[in-house]
Amino acid sequence: LILGTIAQESHLGRYIRQIRGPARGICQMEPATERDIWLNYLSYHPQLIERLAGLTGHDKPGPWLEWDLAYQIAMCRLHYRRVPAPLPAADDVRGLGAYWKQHYNTPAGRGTVDEFVANYQRFVED
């Protein structure tokens, strides 16, 4: 799911800054989403802050969203971790795309499940 998200959102790192928008990093997370994760999720899960700090060296928000790959990937995973719906099977690319569309891109976002599948096949499987 995370590799598919990275393939869809930044073409595996081709885009680190959203062309017309605030999203940053290989996962193209918006700073507002990052702040929301810290405020409304991590603040209630100090053990996850400890794990994040152990992995990335960061125990609070900062400018890491654009240049720290480990932090970007961890924040993407935390974004998905907040979702109560179960994850699709790891080999169900269309299911992963639908999950990404619903919970990361949002139903109102411009990305499509078909794009996700195509980018997954292009950047991850090839």
N, C-alpha and C. Protein backbone atom coordinates (compact mmCIF):
# COMPACT_ATOMS: atom_id res chain seq x y z
N LEU A 1 0.83 -1.20 0.00
CA LEU A 1 0.00 0.00 0.00
C LEU A 1 0.87 1.26 0.00
N ILE A 2 1.91 1.24 0.81
CA ILE A 2 2.78 2.42 0.87
C ILE A 2 3.57 2.57 -0.43
N LEU A 3 4.09 1.48 -0.96
CA LEU A 3 4.80 1.58 -2.25
C LEU A 3 3.85 2.06 -3.34
N GLY A 4 2.63 1.58 -3.34
CA GLY A 4 1.65 2.04 -4.31
C GLY A 4 1.33 3.51 -4.14
N THR A 5 1.23 3.95 -2.89
CA THR A 5 0.98 5.36 -2.60
C THR A 5 2.12 6.22 -3.14
N ILE A 6 3.35 5.78 -2.90
CA ILE A 6 4.51 6.53 -3.38
C ILE A 6 4.56 6.53 -4.90
N ALA A 7 4.26 5.39 -5.51
CA ALA A 7 4.23 5.30 -6.98
C ALA A 7 3.18 6.25 -7.54
N GLN A 8 2.01 6.28 -6.94
CA GLN A 8 0.93 7.13 -7.42
C GLN A 8 1.20 8.61 -7.15
N GLU A 9 1.59 8.91 -5.94
CA GLU A 9 1.69 10.31 -5.52
C GLU A 9 2.90 11.04 -6.09
N SER A 10 4.04 10.35 -6.20
CA SER A 10 5.26 11.06 -6.62
C SER A 10 6.05 10.35 -7.71
N HIS A 11 5.48 9.27 -8.25
CA HIS A 11 6.20 8.45 -9.24
C HIS A 11 7.55 8.02 -8.68
N LEU A 12 7.52 7.49 -7.47
CA LEU A 12 8.69 7.03 -6.71
C LEU A 12 9.73 8.12 -6.52
N GLY A 13 9.28 9.30 -6.20
CA GLY A 13 10.19 10.38 -5.84
C GLY A 13 10.46 11.39 -6.93
N ARG A 14 9.82 11.26 -8.06
CA ARG A 14 10.02 12.25 -9.13
C ARG A 14 9.56 13.64 -8.69
N TYR A 15 8.50 13.65 -7.88
CA TYR A 15 7.95 14.91 -7.38
C TYR A 15 8.07 14.94 -5.86
N ILE A 16 8.79 15.90 -5.34
CA ILE A 16 8.94 16.05 -3.89
C ILE A 16 8.08 17.20 -3.38
N ARG A 17 7.74 18.12 -4.27
CA ARG A 17 6.81 19.21 -3.95
C ARG A 17 5.67 19.16 -4.94
N GLN A 18 4.46 19.26 -4.42
CA GLN A 18 3.30 19.27 -5.29
C GLN A 18 3.39 20.47 -6.23
N ILE A 19 3.08 20.26 -7.50
CA ILE A 19 3.24 21.31 -8.50
C ILE A 19 2.36 22.52 -8.17
N ARG A 20 1.12 22.29 -7.87
CA ARG A 20 0.21 23.38 -7.49
C ARG A 20 -0.50 23.02 -6.20
N GLY A 21 0.23 23.04 -5.13
CA GLY A 21 -0.38 22.71 -3.85
C GLY A 21 0.65 22.55 -2.77
N PRO A 22 0.20 22.23 -1.57
CA PRO A 22 1.09 22.20 -0.41
C PRO A 22 1.74 20.86 -0.12
N ALA A 23 1.37 19.79 -0.83
CA ALA A 23 1.86 18.46 -0.48
C ALA A 23 3.38 18.35 -0.66
N ARG A 24 3.99 17.53 0.20
CA ARG A 24 5.44 17.40 0.22
C ARG A 24 5.85 15.94 0.32
N GLY A 25 7.07 15.67 -0.14
CA GLY A 25 7.68 14.36 0.03
C GLY A 25 7.23 13.33 -0.98
N ILE A 26 7.80 12.13 -0.86
CA ILE A 26 7.49 11.07 -1.81
C ILE A 26 6.06 10.57 -1.66
N CYS A 27 5.45 10.80 -0.53
CA CYS A 27 4.05 10.39 -0.31
C CYS A 27 3.09 11.54 -0.57
N GLN A 28 3.63 12.71 -0.88
CA GLN A 28 2.82 13.90 -1.17
C GLN A 28 1.79 14.16 -0.08
N MET A 29 2.26 14.18 1.16
CA MET A 29 1.38 14.48 2.29
C MET A 29 1.34 15.99 2.49
N GLU A 30 0.16 16.49 2.76
CA GLU A 30 0.02 17.91 3.04
C GLU A 30 0.41 18.19 4.49
N PRO A 31 1.06 19.33 4.74
CA PRO A 31 1.41 19.68 6.11
C PRO A 31 0.21 19.68 7.06
N ALA A 32 -0.96 20.05 6.57
CA ALA A 32 -2.16 20.02 7.42
C ALA A 32 -2.48 18.60 7.87
N THR A 33 -2.27 17.63 7.00
CA THR A 33 -2.50 16.22 7.36
C THR A 33 -1.47 15.78 8.39
N GLU A 34 -0.22 16.17 8.17
CA GLU A 34 0.84 15.85 9.14
C GLU A 34 0.48 16.41 10.52
N ARG A 35 0.06 17.68 10.57
CA ARG A 35 -0.30 18.30 11.85
C ARG A 35 -1.47 17.57 12.49
N ASP A 36 -2.44 17.17 11.68
CA ASP A 36 -3.60 16.45 12.20
C ASP A 36 -3.18 15.10 12.80
N ILE A 37 -2.26 14.41 12.17
CA ILE A 37 -1.78 13.14 12.71
C ILE A 37 -1.13 13.37 14.06
N TRP A 38 -0.30 14.40 14.17
CA TRP A 38 0.35 14.69 15.45
C TRP A 38 -0.66 15.10 16.52
N LEU A 39 -1.58 15.97 16.16
CA LEU A 39 -2.52 16.52 17.12
C LEU A 39 -3.60 15.52 17.54
N ASN A 40 -4.16 14.83 16.59
CA ASN A 40 -5.34 14.01 16.86
C ASN A 40 -5.08 12.51 16.90
N TYR A 41 -3.84 12.10 16.70
CA TYR A 41 -3.54 10.67 16.79
C TYR A 41 -2.31 10.41 17.65
N LEU A 42 -1.17 10.94 17.23
CA LEU A 42 0.05 10.65 17.97
C LEU A 42 0.02 11.17 19.40
N SER A 43 -0.63 12.30 19.62
CA SER A 43 -0.69 12.84 20.98
C SER A 43 -1.40 11.87 21.94
N TYR A 44 -2.19 10.96 21.40
CA TYR A 44 -2.89 9.95 22.21
C TYR A 44 -2.18 8.60 22.21
N HIS A 45 -1.07 8.50 21.49
CA HIS A 45 -0.33 7.25 21.38
C HIS A 45 1.17 7.52 21.57
N PRO A 46 1.57 7.82 22.81
CA PRO A 46 2.99 8.15 23.05
C PRO A 46 3.94 7.02 22.67
N GLN A 47 3.47 5.78 22.72
CA GLN A 47 4.34 4.67 22.33
C GLN A 47 4.68 4.74 20.84
N LEU A 48 3.76 5.28 20.05
CA LEU A 48 4.05 5.45 18.62
C LEU A 48 5.03 6.59 18.38
N ILE A 49 4.94 7.62 19.22
CA ILE A 49 5.93 8.72 19.11
C ILE A 49 7.32 8.16 19.41
N GLU A 50 7.42 7.29 20.42
CA GLU A 50 8.71 6.67 20.76
C GLU A 50 9.24 5.84 19.59
N ARG A 51 8.35 5.08 18.97
CA ARG A 51 8.77 4.26 17.83
C ARG A 51 9.18 5.14 16.65
N LEU A 52 8.42 6.19 16.41
CA LEU A 52 8.75 7.13 15.34
C LEU A 52 10.10 7.79 15.60
N ALA A 53 10.32 8.22 16.83
CA ALA A 53 11.59 8.84 17.20
C ALA A 53 12.75 7.86 17.05
N GLY A 54 12.51 6.61 17.42
CA GLY A 54 13.55 5.60 17.26
C GLY A 54 13.90 5.35 15.80
N LEU A 55 12.91 5.44 14.95
CA LEU A 55 13.11 5.21 13.53
C LEU A 55 13.70 6.42 12.81
N THR A 56 13.22 7.61 13.17
CA THR A 56 13.56 8.81 12.40
C THR A 56 14.41 9.82 13.17
N GLY A 57 14.41 9.72 14.50
CA GLY A 57 15.09 10.72 15.32
C GLY A 57 14.21 11.93 15.62
N HIS A 58 12.94 11.91 15.19
CA HIS A 58 12.04 13.04 15.36
C HIS A 58 10.90 12.68 16.30
N ASP A 59 10.73 13.48 17.35
CA ASP A 59 9.63 13.24 18.29
C ASP A 59 8.63 14.39 18.32
N LYS A 60 8.68 15.21 17.30
CA LYS A 60 7.72 16.30 17.14
C LYS A 60 7.71 16.70 15.67
N PRO A 61 6.67 17.40 15.23
CA PRO A 61 6.65 17.81 13.83
C PRO A 61 7.76 18.81 13.53
N GLY A 62 8.15 18.85 12.30
CA GLY A 62 9.20 19.78 11.86
C GLY A 62 9.25 19.78 10.34
N PRO A 63 10.36 20.23 9.79
CA PRO A 63 10.46 20.31 8.33
C PRO A 63 10.77 18.97 7.66
N TRP A 64 10.62 17.90 8.38
CA TRP A 64 11.04 16.57 7.91
C TRP A 64 10.19 16.06 6.74
N LEU A 65 9.01 16.58 6.58
CA LEU A 65 8.08 16.06 5.58
C LEU A 65 8.62 16.15 4.16
N GLU A 66 9.53 17.05 3.93
CA GLU A 66 10.06 17.21 2.58
C GLU A 66 11.37 16.47 2.35
N TRP A 67 12.19 16.31 3.37
CA TRP A 67 13.52 15.78 3.08
C TRP A 67 13.90 14.50 3.82
N ASP A 68 13.13 14.06 4.78
CA ASP A 68 13.47 12.84 5.52
C ASP A 68 12.60 11.68 5.04
N LEU A 69 13.19 10.80 4.24
CA LEU A 69 12.42 9.70 3.65
C LEU A 69 11.81 8.77 4.70
N ALA A 70 12.57 8.44 5.72
CA ALA A 70 12.04 7.54 6.76
C ALA A 70 10.82 8.19 7.43
N TYR A 71 10.90 9.47 7.70
CA TYR A 71 9.78 10.19 8.33
C TYR A 71 8.58 10.22 7.39
N GLN A 72 8.82 10.48 6.11
CA GLN A 72 7.72 10.54 5.15
C GLN A 72 6.98 9.20 5.08
N ILE A 73 7.74 8.13 5.01
CA ILE A 73 7.13 6.80 4.93
C ILE A 73 6.40 6.46 6.22
N ALA A 74 7.00 6.79 7.35
CA ALA A 74 6.35 6.52 8.64
C ALA A 74 5.06 7.32 8.78
N MET A 75 5.06 8.57 8.36
CA MET A 75 3.83 9.38 8.43
C MET A 75 2.76 8.83 7.50
N CYS A 76 3.15 8.35 6.35
CA CYS A 76 2.18 7.73 5.44
C CYS A 76 1.56 6.51 6.12
N ARG A 77 2.40 5.70 6.74
CA ARG A 77 1.88 4.51 7.43
C ARG A 77 0.97 4.90 8.59
N LEU A 78 1.34 5.93 9.33
CA LEU A 78 0.49 6.39 10.43
C LEU A 78 -0.84 6.93 9.91
N HIS A 79 -0.80 7.58 8.76
CA HIS A 79 -2.05 8.05 8.15
C HIS A 79 -2.98 6.87 7.91
N TYR A 80 -2.46 5.81 7.31
CA TYR A 80 -3.28 4.63 7.06
C TYR A 80 -3.65 3.90 8.35
N ARG A 81 -2.77 3.93 9.33
CA ARG A 81 -3.05 3.23 10.59
C ARG A 81 -4.28 3.79 11.29
N ARG A 82 -4.56 5.06 11.09
CA ARG A 82 -5.74 5.68 11.73
C ARG A 82 -7.05 5.18 11.13
N VAL A 83 -6.99 4.60 9.97
CA VAL A 83 -8.20 4.15 9.28
C VAL A 83 -8.69 2.86 9.93
N PRO A 84 -9.96 2.81 10.37
CA PRO A 84 -10.45 1.59 11.02
C PRO A 84 -10.72 0.44 10.05
N ALA A 85 -10.89 0.73 8.77
CA ALA A 85 -11.17 -0.34 7.80
C ALA A 85 -9.94 -1.23 7.64
N PRO A 86 -10.16 -2.54 7.52
CA PRO A 86 -9.01 -3.44 7.35
C PRO A 86 -8.28 -3.18 6.03
N LEU A 87 -7.00 -3.45 6.04
CA LEU A 87 -6.20 -3.31 4.83
C LEU A 87 -6.55 -4.41 3.84
N PRO A 88 -6.51 -4.11 2.55
CA PRO A 88 -6.70 -5.16 1.56
C PRO A 88 -5.50 -6.11 1.56
N ALA A 89 -5.64 -7.23 0.90
CA ALA A 89 -4.52 -8.16 0.76
C ALA A 89 -3.37 -7.46 0.02
N ALA A 90 -2.16 -7.78 0.40
CA ALA A 90 -0.98 -7.13 -0.18
C ALA A 90 -0.87 -7.35 -1.68
N ASP A 91 -1.42 -8.44 -2.19
CA ASP A 91 -1.33 -8.72 -3.63
C ASP A 91 -2.57 -8.28 -4.41
N ASP A 92 -3.48 -7.60 -3.75
CA ASP A 92 -4.70 -7.09 -4.40
C ASP A 92 -4.47 -5.63 -4.78
N VAL A 93 -3.83 -5.41 -5.93
CA VAL A 93 -3.43 -4.06 -6.33
C VAL A 93 -4.65 -3.16 -6.52
N ARG A 94 -5.70 -3.67 -7.13
CA ARG A 94 -6.91 -2.87 -7.31
C ARG A 94 -7.53 -2.55 -5.94
N GLY A 95 -7.53 -3.49 -5.03
CA GLY A 95 -8.03 -3.23 -3.68
C GLY A 95 -7.19 -2.19 -2.96
N LEU A 96 -5.87 -2.27 -3.13
CA LEU A 96 -4.98 -1.27 -2.54
C LEU A 96 -5.27 0.11 -3.14
N GLY A 97 -5.51 0.13 -4.45
CA GLY A 97 -5.83 1.40 -5.11
C GLY A 97 -7.14 1.98 -4.60
N ALA A 98 -8.13 1.14 -4.39
CA ALA A 98 -9.42 1.61 -3.86
C ALA A 98 -9.25 2.12 -2.43
N TYR A 99 -8.42 1.43 -1.65
CA TYR A 99 -8.15 1.85 -0.27
C TYR A 99 -7.44 3.21 -0.27
N TRP A 100 -6.42 3.34 -1.13
CA TRP A 100 -5.72 4.62 -1.26
C TRP A 100 -6.70 5.72 -1.66
N LYS A 101 -7.54 5.46 -2.64
CA LYS A 101 -8.48 6.47 -3.13
C LYS A 101 -9.42 6.92 -2.03
N GLN A 102 -9.93 5.98 -1.28
CA GLN A 102 -10.90 6.29 -0.22
C GLN A 102 -10.26 6.99 0.97
N HIS A 103 -9.07 6.54 1.36
CA HIS A 103 -8.51 6.98 2.64
C HIS A 103 -7.30 7.90 2.56
N TYR A 104 -6.69 8.02 1.39
CA TYR A 104 -5.52 8.90 1.27
C TYR A 104 -5.80 10.03 0.29
N ASN A 105 -6.22 9.71 -0.90
CA ASN A 105 -6.51 10.71 -1.92
C ASN A 105 -7.87 11.37 -1.65
N THR A 106 -8.77 10.67 -1.10
CA THR A 106 -10.17 11.02 -0.81
C THR A 106 -11.03 10.88 -2.06
N PRO A 107 -12.30 10.58 -1.88
CA PRO A 107 -13.19 10.42 -3.03
C PRO A 107 -13.26 11.67 -3.92
N ALA A 108 -13.04 12.85 -3.35
CA ALA A 108 -13.09 14.08 -4.13
C ALA A 108 -11.77 14.40 -4.84
N GLY A 109 -10.71 13.65 -4.53
CA GLY A 109 -9.41 13.90 -5.14
C GLY A 109 -9.38 13.55 -6.61
N ARG A 110 -8.37 14.07 -7.30
CA ARG A 110 -8.30 13.88 -8.76
C ARG A 110 -7.76 12.51 -9.16
N GLY A 111 -7.03 11.85 -8.30
CA GLY A 111 -6.47 10.55 -8.65
C GLY A 111 -7.55 9.49 -8.77
N THR A 112 -7.25 8.44 -9.54
CA THR A 112 -8.20 7.35 -9.74
C THR A 112 -7.57 6.01 -9.38
N VAL A 113 -8.41 5.05 -9.15
CA VAL A 113 -7.94 3.69 -8.87
C VAL A 113 -7.17 3.16 -10.08
N ASP A 114 -7.67 3.42 -11.27
CA ASP A 114 -6.97 2.96 -12.47
C ASP A 114 -5.57 3.55 -12.58
N GLU A 115 -5.40 4.83 -12.24
CA GLU A 115 -4.07 5.45 -12.22
C GLU A 115 -3.17 4.77 -11.20
N PHE A 116 -3.72 4.51 -10.01
CA PHE A 116 -2.96 3.84 -8.96
C PHE A 116 -2.45 2.50 -9.47
N VAL A 117 -3.34 1.71 -10.06
CA VAL A 117 -2.96 0.38 -10.57
C VAL A 117 -1.89 0.53 -11.64
N ALA A 118 -2.07 1.45 -12.58
CA ALA A 118 -1.09 1.65 -13.65
C ALA A 118 0.26 2.08 -13.10
N ASN A 119 0.26 3.00 -12.13
CA ASN A 119 1.52 3.46 -11.55
C ASN A 119 2.17 2.37 -10.70
N TYR A 120 1.37 1.58 -10.02
CA TYR A 120 1.90 0.45 -9.26
C TYR A 120 2.60 -0.52 -10.21
N GLN A 121 1.91 -0.86 -11.28
CA GLN A 121 2.50 -1.79 -12.25
C GLN A 121 3.76 -1.20 -12.87
N ARG A 122 3.74 0.08 -13.19
CA ARG A 122 4.88 0.74 -13.84
C ARG A 122 6.09 0.87 -12.92
N PHE A 123 5.86 1.33 -11.69
CA PHE A 123 6.98 1.67 -10.81
C PHE A 123 7.34 0.59 -9.80
N VAL A 124 6.38 -0.22 -9.40
CA VAL A 124 6.66 -1.22 -8.37
C VAL A 124 6.91 -2.59 -8.98
N GLU A 125 6.01 -3.04 -9.85
CA GLU A 125 6.15 -4.38 -10.41
C GLU A 125 7.25 -4.45 -11.46
N ASP A 126 7.42 -3.38 -12.25
CA ASP A 126 8.48 -3.39 -13.28
C ASP A 126 9.78 -3.07 -12.61
